[in-house]
């Protein structure tokens, strides 16, 4: 099973299964604007938005998981 772990905006850690992600939007950092990663999750979970380094790291993790999943 493929899980992604990120810092939850309200504190602690949040672990989501990749099958619960319906879509994502990544905006890379640009000058003073921080990177932004928005997860649209299925009806069982609230949507999640990450900023800065956490967004960059989560995006890289998602790309690895998706790459490993689609290459099989």
PDB file of N, CA and C in Angstrom:
ATOM      1  N   UNK A   1       0.844  -1.180   0.000  1.00  0.00           N
ATOM      2  CA  UNK A   1       0.000   0.000   0.000  1.00  0.00           C
ATOM      3  C   UNK A   1       0.884   1.235   0.000  1.00  0.00           C
ATOM      4  N   UNK A   2       0.406   2.296  -0.653  1.00  0.00           N
ATOM      5  CA  UNK A   2       1.165   3.527  -0.786  1.00  0.00           C
ATOM      6  C   UNK A   2       0.576   4.612   0.112  1.00  0.00           C
ATOM      7  N   UNK A   3       1.374   5.084   1.051  1.00  0.00           N
ATOM      8  CA  UNK A   3       0.954   6.143   1.959  1.00  0.00           C
ATOM      9  C   UNK A   3       1.883   7.333   1.825  1.00  0.00           C
ATOM     10  N   UNK A   4       1.353   8.520   2.078  1.00  0.00           N
ATOM     11  CA  UNK A   4       2.131   9.749   2.095  1.00  0.00           C
ATOM     12  C   UNK A   4       1.956  10.356   3.475  1.00  0.00           C
ATOM     13  N   UNK A   5       3.063  10.718   4.113  1.00  0.00           N
ATOM     14  CA  UNK A   5       3.023  11.325   5.447  1.00  0.00           C
ATOM     15  C   UNK A   5       3.479  12.772   5.342  1.00  0.00           C
ATOM     16  N   UNK A   6       2.680  13.687   5.908  1.00  0.00           N
ATOM     17  CA  UNK A   6       2.998  15.113   5.887  1.00  0.00           C
ATOM     18  C   UNK A   6       2.673  15.720   7.250  1.00  0.00           C
ATOM     19  N   UNK A   7       3.198  16.908   7.488  1.00  0.00           N
ATOM     20  CA  UNK A   7       2.832  17.640   8.702  1.00  0.00           C
ATOM     21  C   UNK A   7       1.406  18.152   8.532  1.00  0.00           C
ATOM     22  N   UNK A   8       0.574  17.959   9.540  1.00  0.00           N
ATOM     23  CA  UNK A   8      -0.790  18.465   9.486  1.00  0.00           C
ATOM     24  C   UNK A   8      -0.767  19.936   9.888  1.00  0.00           C
ATOM     25  N   UNK A   9      -1.494  20.813   9.170  1.00  0.00           N
ATOM     26  CA  UNK A   9      -1.473  22.242   9.487  1.00  0.00           C
ATOM     27  C   UNK A   9      -1.887  22.582  10.921  1.00  0.00           C
ATOM     28  N   UNK A  10      -2.672  21.733  11.553  1.00  0.00           N
ATOM     29  CA  UNK A  10      -3.113  21.979  12.919  1.00  0.00           C
ATOM     30  C   UNK A  10      -2.214  21.297  13.947  1.00  0.00           C
ATOM     31  N   UNK A  11      -1.119  20.708  13.498  1.00  0.00           N
ATOM     32  CA  UNK A  11      -0.175  20.035  14.387  1.00  0.00           C
ATOM     33  C   UNK A  11      -0.196  18.532  14.194  1.00  0.00           C
ATOM     34  N   UNK A  12       0.889  17.898  14.530  1.00  0.00           N
ATOM     35  CA  UNK A  12       0.999  16.453  14.389  1.00  0.00           C
ATOM     36  C   UNK A  12       1.301  16.047  12.959  1.00  0.00           C
ATOM     37  N   UNK A  13       1.136  14.767  12.672  1.00  0.00           N
ATOM     38  CA  UNK A  13       1.402  14.212  11.350  1.00  0.00           C
ATOM     39  C   UNK A  13       0.107  13.684  10.758  1.00  0.00           C
ATOM     40  N   UNK A  14       0.013  13.709   9.431  1.00  0.00           N
ATOM     41  CA  UNK A  14      -1.154  13.232   8.702  1.00  0.00           C
ATOM     42  C   UNK A  14      -0.671  12.190   7.705  1.00  0.00           C
ATOM     43  N   UNK A  15      -1.267  11.017   7.728  1.00  0.00           N
ATOM     44  CA  UNK A  15      -0.906   9.946   6.803  1.00  0.00           C
ATOM     45  C   UNK A  15      -2.133   9.657   5.941  1.00  0.00           C
ATOM     46  N   UNK A  16      -1.938   9.737   4.617  1.00  0.00           N
ATOM     47  CA  UNK A  16      -3.055   9.470   3.714  1.00  0.00           C
ATOM     48  C   UNK A  16      -2.666   8.387   2.723  1.00  0.00           C
ATOM     49  N   UNK A  17      -3.623   7.582   2.366  1.00  0.00           N
ATOM     50  CA  UNK A  17      -3.413   6.550   1.356  1.00  0.00           C
ATOM     51  C   UNK A  17      -3.561   7.208  -0.009  1.00  0.00           C
ATOM     52  N   UNK A  18      -2.696   6.896  -0.928  1.00  0.00           N
ATOM     53  CA  UNK A  18      -2.708   7.534  -2.247  1.00  0.00           C
ATOM     54  C   UNK A  18      -4.026   7.313  -2.980  1.00  0.00           C
ATOM     55  N   UNK A  19      -4.735   6.245  -2.696  1.00  0.00           N
ATOM     56  CA  UNK A  19      -6.022   5.988  -3.346  1.00  0.00           C
ATOM     57  C   UNK A  19      -7.114   6.957  -2.899  1.00  0.00           C
ATOM     58  N   UNK A  20      -6.873   7.708  -1.818  1.00  0.00           N
ATOM     59  CA  UNK A  20      -7.862   8.667  -1.328  1.00  0.00           C
ATOM     60  C   UNK A  20      -7.676  10.052  -1.948  1.00  0.00           C
ATOM     61  N   UNK A  21      -6.646  10.229  -2.773  1.00  0.00           N
ATOM     62  CA  UNK A  21      -6.405  11.509  -3.439  1.00  0.00           C
ATOM     63  C   UNK A  21      -7.161  11.502  -4.761  1.00  0.00           C
ATOM     64  N   UNK A  22      -8.062  12.473  -4.929  1.00  0.00           N
ATOM     65  CA  UNK A  22      -8.793  12.567  -6.189  1.00  0.00           C
ATOM     66  C   UNK A  22      -8.084  13.487  -7.172  1.00  0.00           C
ATOM     67  N   UNK A  23      -7.411  14.527  -6.665  1.00  0.00           N
ATOM     68  CA  UNK A  23      -6.603  15.392  -7.521  1.00  0.00           C
ATOM     69  C   UNK A  23      -5.671  16.225  -6.660  1.00  0.00           C
ATOM     70  N   UNK A  24      -4.668  16.821  -7.315  1.00  0.00           N
ATOM     71  CA  UNK A  24      -3.700  17.659  -6.608  1.00  0.00           C
ATOM     72  C   UNK A  24      -3.351  18.846  -7.488  1.00  0.00           C
ATOM     73  N   UNK A  25      -2.956  19.930  -6.852  1.00  0.00           N
ATOM     74  CA  UNK A  25      -2.475  21.096  -7.573  1.00  0.00           C
ATOM     75  C   UNK A  25      -1.197  21.570  -6.893  1.00  0.00           C
ATOM     76  N   UNK A  26      -0.092  21.623  -7.650  1.00  0.00           N
ATOM     77  CA  UNK A  26       1.195  22.058  -7.114  1.00  0.00           C
ATOM     78  C   UNK A  26       1.605  23.355  -7.784  1.00  0.00           C
ATOM     79  N   UNK A  27       1.939  24.346  -6.987  1.00  0.00           N
ATOM     80  CA  UNK A  27       2.490  25.592  -7.489  1.00  0.00           C
ATOM     81  C   UNK A  27       3.877  25.750  -6.879  1.00  0.00           C
ATOM     82  N   UNK A  28       4.929  25.689  -7.710  1.00  0.00           N
ATOM     83  CA  UNK A  28       6.287  25.807  -7.168  1.00  0.00           C
ATOM     84  C   UNK A  28       6.554  27.198  -6.604  1.00  0.00           C
ATOM     85  N   UNK A  29       7.571  27.307  -5.769  1.00  0.00           N
ATOM     86  CA  UNK A  29       7.919  28.607  -5.210  1.00  0.00           C
ATOM     87  C   UNK A  29       8.403  29.521  -6.325  1.00  0.00           C
ATOM     88  N   UNK A  30       8.163  30.817  -6.149  1.00  0.00           N
ATOM     89  CA  UNK A  30       8.566  31.813  -7.134  1.00  0.00           C
ATOM     90  C   UNK A  30       8.926  33.085  -6.383  1.00  0.00           C
ATOM     91  N   UNK A  31      10.217  33.315  -6.207  1.00  0.00           N
ATOM     92  CA  UNK A  31      10.655  34.485  -5.451  1.00  0.00           C
ATOM     93  C   UNK A  31      10.243  34.378  -3.995  1.00  0.00           C
ATOM     94  N   UNK A  32       9.453  35.351  -3.533  1.00  0.00           N
ATOM     95  CA  UNK A  32       8.994  35.358  -2.143  1.00  0.00           C
ATOM     96  C   UNK A  32       7.752  34.508  -1.917  1.00  0.00           C
ATOM     97  N   UNK A  33       7.152  33.992  -2.990  1.00  0.00           N
ATOM     98  CA  UNK A  33       5.945  33.182  -2.880  1.00  0.00           C
ATOM     99  C   UNK A  33       6.338  31.736  -2.580  1.00  0.00           C
ATOM    100  N   UNK A  34       5.802  31.203  -1.486  1.00  0.00           N
ATOM    101  CA  UNK A  34       6.106  29.815  -1.098  1.00  0.00           C
ATOM    102  C   UNK A  34       5.418  28.829  -2.029  1.00  0.00           C
ATOM    103  N   UNK A  35       6.016  27.650  -2.121  1.00  0.00           N
ATOM    104  CA  UNK A  35       5.376  26.556  -2.853  1.00  0.00           C
ATOM    105  C   UNK A  35       4.051  26.224  -2.169  1.00  0.00           C
ATOM    106  N   UNK A  36       3.098  25.742  -2.969  1.00  0.00           N
ATOM    107  CA  UNK A  36       1.780  25.389  -2.437  1.00  0.00           C
ATOM    108  C   UNK A  36       1.361  24.073  -3.067  1.00  0.00           C
ATOM    109  N   UNK A  37       0.862  23.162  -2.237  1.00  0.00           N
ATOM    110  CA  UNK A  37       0.363  21.873  -2.710  1.00  0.00           C
ATOM    111  C   UNK A  37      -1.008  21.634  -2.088  1.00  0.00           C
ATOM    112  N   UNK A  38      -2.018  21.524  -2.942  1.00  0.00           N
ATOM    113  CA  UNK A  38      -3.387  21.290  -2.475  1.00  0.00           C
ATOM    114  C   UNK A  38      -3.807  19.878  -2.859  1.00  0.00           C
ATOM    115  N   UNK A  39      -4.261  19.129  -1.873  1.00  0.00           N
ATOM    116  CA  UNK A  39      -4.784  17.781  -2.083  1.00  0.00           C
ATOM    117  C   UNK A  39      -6.304  17.849  -2.054  1.00  0.00           C
ATOM    118  N   UNK A  40      -6.967  17.399  -3.102  1.00  0.00           N
ATOM    119  CA  UNK A  40      -8.408  17.186  -3.079  1.00  0.00           C
ATOM    120  C   UNK A  40      -8.585  15.716  -2.738  1.00  0.00           C
ATOM    121  N   UNK A  41      -9.174  15.474  -1.592  1.00  0.00           N
ATOM    122  CA  UNK A  41      -9.322  14.105  -1.105  1.00  0.00           C
ATOM    123  C   UNK A  41     -10.760  13.645  -1.269  1.00  0.00           C
ATOM    124  N   UNK A  42     -10.953  12.345  -1.234  1.00  0.00           N
ATOM    125  CA  UNK A  42     -12.301  11.803  -1.402  1.00  0.00           C
ATOM    126  C   UNK A  42     -13.196  12.208  -0.236  1.00  0.00           C
ATOM    127  N   UNK A  43     -14.448  11.818  -0.319  1.00  0.00           N
ATOM    128  CA  UNK A  43     -15.462  12.246   0.652  1.00  0.00           C
ATOM    129  C   UNK A  43     -15.173  11.805   2.084  1.00  0.00           C
ATOM    130  N   UNK A  44     -14.275  10.845   2.258  1.00  0.00           N
ATOM    131  CA  UNK A  44     -13.988  10.347   3.604  1.00  0.00           C
ATOM    132  C   UNK A  44     -13.047  11.256   4.386  1.00  0.00           C
ATOM    133  N   UNK A  45     -12.387  12.208   3.690  1.00  0.00           N
ATOM    134  CA  UNK A  45     -11.385  13.053   4.348  1.00  0.00           C
ATOM    135  C   UNK A  45     -11.537  14.500   3.909  1.00  0.00           C
ATOM    136  N   UNK A  46     -11.098  15.434   4.765  1.00  0.00           N
ATOM    137  CA  UNK A  46     -11.085  16.843   4.414  1.00  0.00           C
ATOM    138  C   UNK A  46      -9.918  17.130   3.474  1.00  0.00           C
ATOM    139  N   UNK A  47     -10.067  18.152   2.636  1.00  0.00           N
ATOM    140  CA  UNK A  47      -8.982  18.557   1.751  1.00  0.00           C
ATOM    141  C   UNK A  47      -7.835  19.113   2.592  1.00  0.00           C
ATOM    142  N   UNK A  48      -6.645  19.150   2.008  1.00  0.00           N
ATOM    143  CA  UNK A  48      -5.444  19.540   2.740  1.00  0.00           C
ATOM    144  C   UNK A  48      -4.596  20.438   1.849  1.00  0.00           C
ATOM    145  N   UNK A  49      -4.053  21.524   2.422  1.00  0.00           N
ATOM    146  CA  UNK A  49      -3.164  22.429   1.699  1.00  0.00           C
ATOM    147  C   UNK A  49      -1.873  22.559   2.490  1.00  0.00           C
ATOM    148  N   UNK A  50      -0.752  22.374   1.798  1.00  0.00           N
ATOM    149  CA  UNK A  50       0.570  22.506   2.405  1.00  0.00           C
ATOM    150  C   UNK A  50       1.313  23.658   1.742  1.00  0.00           C
ATOM    151  N   UNK A  51       2.249  24.261   2.476  1.00  0.00           N
ATOM    152  CA  UNK A  51       3.020  25.378   1.955  1.00  0.00           C
ATOM    153  C   UNK A  51       4.504  25.169   2.214  1.00  0.00           C
ATOM    154  N   UNK A  52       5.328  25.842   1.431  1.00  0.00           N
ATOM    155  CA  UNK A  52       6.766  25.881   1.648  1.00  0.00           C
ATOM    156  C   UNK A  52       7.454  24.552   1.448  1.00  0.00           C
ATOM    157  N   UNK A  53       8.436  24.299   2.308  1.00  0.00           N
ATOM    158  CA  UNK A  53       9.258  23.091   2.193  1.00  0.00           C
ATOM    159  C   UNK A  53       8.421  21.812   2.313  1.00  0.00           C
ATOM    160  N   UNK A  54       7.421  21.845   3.178  1.00  0.00           N
ATOM    161  CA  UNK A  54       6.554  20.663   3.336  1.00  0.00           C
ATOM    162  C   UNK A  54       5.833  20.351   2.020  1.00  0.00           C
ATOM    163  N   UNK A  55       5.384  21.386   1.317  1.00  0.00           N
ATOM    164  CA  UNK A  55       4.727  21.194   0.019  1.00  0.00           C
ATOM    165  C   UNK A  55       5.698  20.603  -0.997  1.00  0.00           C
ATOM    166  N   UNK A  56       6.910  21.126  -1.046  1.00  0.00           N
ATOM    167  CA  UNK A  56       7.929  20.624  -1.982  1.00  0.00           C
ATOM    168  C   UNK A  56       8.237  19.147  -1.711  1.00  0.00           C
ATOM    169  N   UNK A  57       8.440  18.798  -0.433  1.00  0.00           N
ATOM    170  CA  UNK A  57       8.765  17.415  -0.071  1.00  0.00           C
ATOM    171  C   UNK A  57       7.613  16.471  -0.384  1.00  0.00           C
ATOM    172  N   UNK A  58       6.396  16.884  -0.067  1.00  0.00           N
ATOM    173  CA  UNK A  58       5.235  16.033  -0.347  1.00  0.00           C
ATOM    174  C   UNK A  58       5.067  15.836  -1.852  1.00  0.00           C
ATOM    175  N   UNK A  59       5.296  16.879  -2.645  1.00  0.00           N
ATOM    176  CA  UNK A  59       5.185  16.770  -4.102  1.00  0.00           C
ATOM    177  C   UNK A  59       6.195  15.761  -4.641  1.00  0.00           C
ATOM    178  N   UNK A  60       7.425  15.815  -4.154  1.00  0.00           N
ATOM    179  CA  UNK A  60       8.449  14.862  -4.591  1.00  0.00           C
ATOM    180  C   UNK A  60       8.056  13.431  -4.211  1.00  0.00           C
ATOM    181  N   UNK A  61       7.506  13.261  -3.015  1.00  0.00           N
ATOM    182  CA  UNK A  61       7.056  11.935  -2.568  1.00  0.00           C
ATOM    183  C   UNK A  61       5.946  11.414  -3.472  1.00  0.00           C
ATOM    184  N   UNK A  62       4.980  12.267  -3.784  1.00  0.00           N
ATOM    185  CA  UNK A  62       3.871  11.859  -4.653  1.00  0.00           C
ATOM    186  C   UNK A  62       4.396  11.467  -6.031  1.00  0.00           C
ATOM    187  N   UNK A  63       5.312  12.240  -6.574  1.00  0.00           N
ATOM    188  CA  UNK A  63       5.873  11.910  -7.891  1.00  0.00           C
ATOM    189  C   UNK A  63       6.559  10.549  -7.873  1.00  0.00           C
ATOM    190  N   UNK A  64       7.269  10.222  -6.792  1.00  0.00           N
ATOM    191  CA  UNK A  64       7.927   8.915  -6.680  1.00  0.00           C
ATOM    192  C   UNK A  64       6.897   7.790  -6.602  1.00  0.00           C
ATOM    193  N   UNK A  65       5.867   7.991  -5.790  1.00  0.00           N
ATOM    194  CA  UNK A  65       4.843   6.960  -5.623  1.00  0.00           C
ATOM    195  C   UNK A  65       4.109   6.731  -6.934  1.00  0.00           C
ATOM    196  N   UNK A  66       3.721   7.802  -7.601  1.00  0.00           N
ATOM    197  CA  UNK A  66       3.002   7.683  -8.866  1.00  0.00           C
ATOM    198  C   UNK A  66       3.914   7.014  -9.913  1.00  0.00           C
ATOM    199  N   UNK A  67       5.164   7.417  -9.969  1.00  0.00           N
ATOM    200  CA  UNK A  67       6.101   6.800 -10.912  1.00  0.00           C
ATOM    201  C   UNK A  67       6.272   5.316 -10.677  1.00  0.00           C
ATOM    202  N   UNK A  68       6.372   4.912  -9.407  1.00  0.00           N
ATOM    203  CA  UNK A  68       6.533   3.504  -9.076  1.00  0.00           C
ATOM    204  C   UNK A  68       5.256   2.723  -9.373  1.00  0.00           C
ATOM    205  N   UNK A  69       4.121   3.345  -9.201  1.00  0.00           N
ATOM    206  CA  UNK A  69       2.843   2.686  -9.435  1.00  0.00           C
ATOM    207  C   UNK A  69       2.558   2.516 -10.919  1.00  0.00           C
ATOM    208  N   UNK A  70       2.887   3.528 -11.720  1.00  0.00           N
ATOM    209  CA  UNK A  70       2.559   3.469 -13.143  1.00  0.00           C
ATOM    210  C   UNK A  70       3.574   2.660 -13.936  1.00  0.00           C
ATOM    211  N   UNK A  71       4.776   2.436 -13.388  1.00  0.00           N
ATOM    212  CA  UNK A  71       5.783   1.676 -14.126  1.00  0.00           C
ATOM    213  C   UNK A  71       5.601   0.172 -13.986  1.00  0.00           C
ATOM    214  N   UNK A  72       4.727  -0.256 -13.081  1.00  0.00           N
ATOM    215  CA  UNK A  72       4.515  -1.696 -12.870  1.00  0.00           C
ATOM    216  C   UNK A  72       3.503  -2.247 -13.836  1.00  0.00           C
TER     217      UNK A  72
END
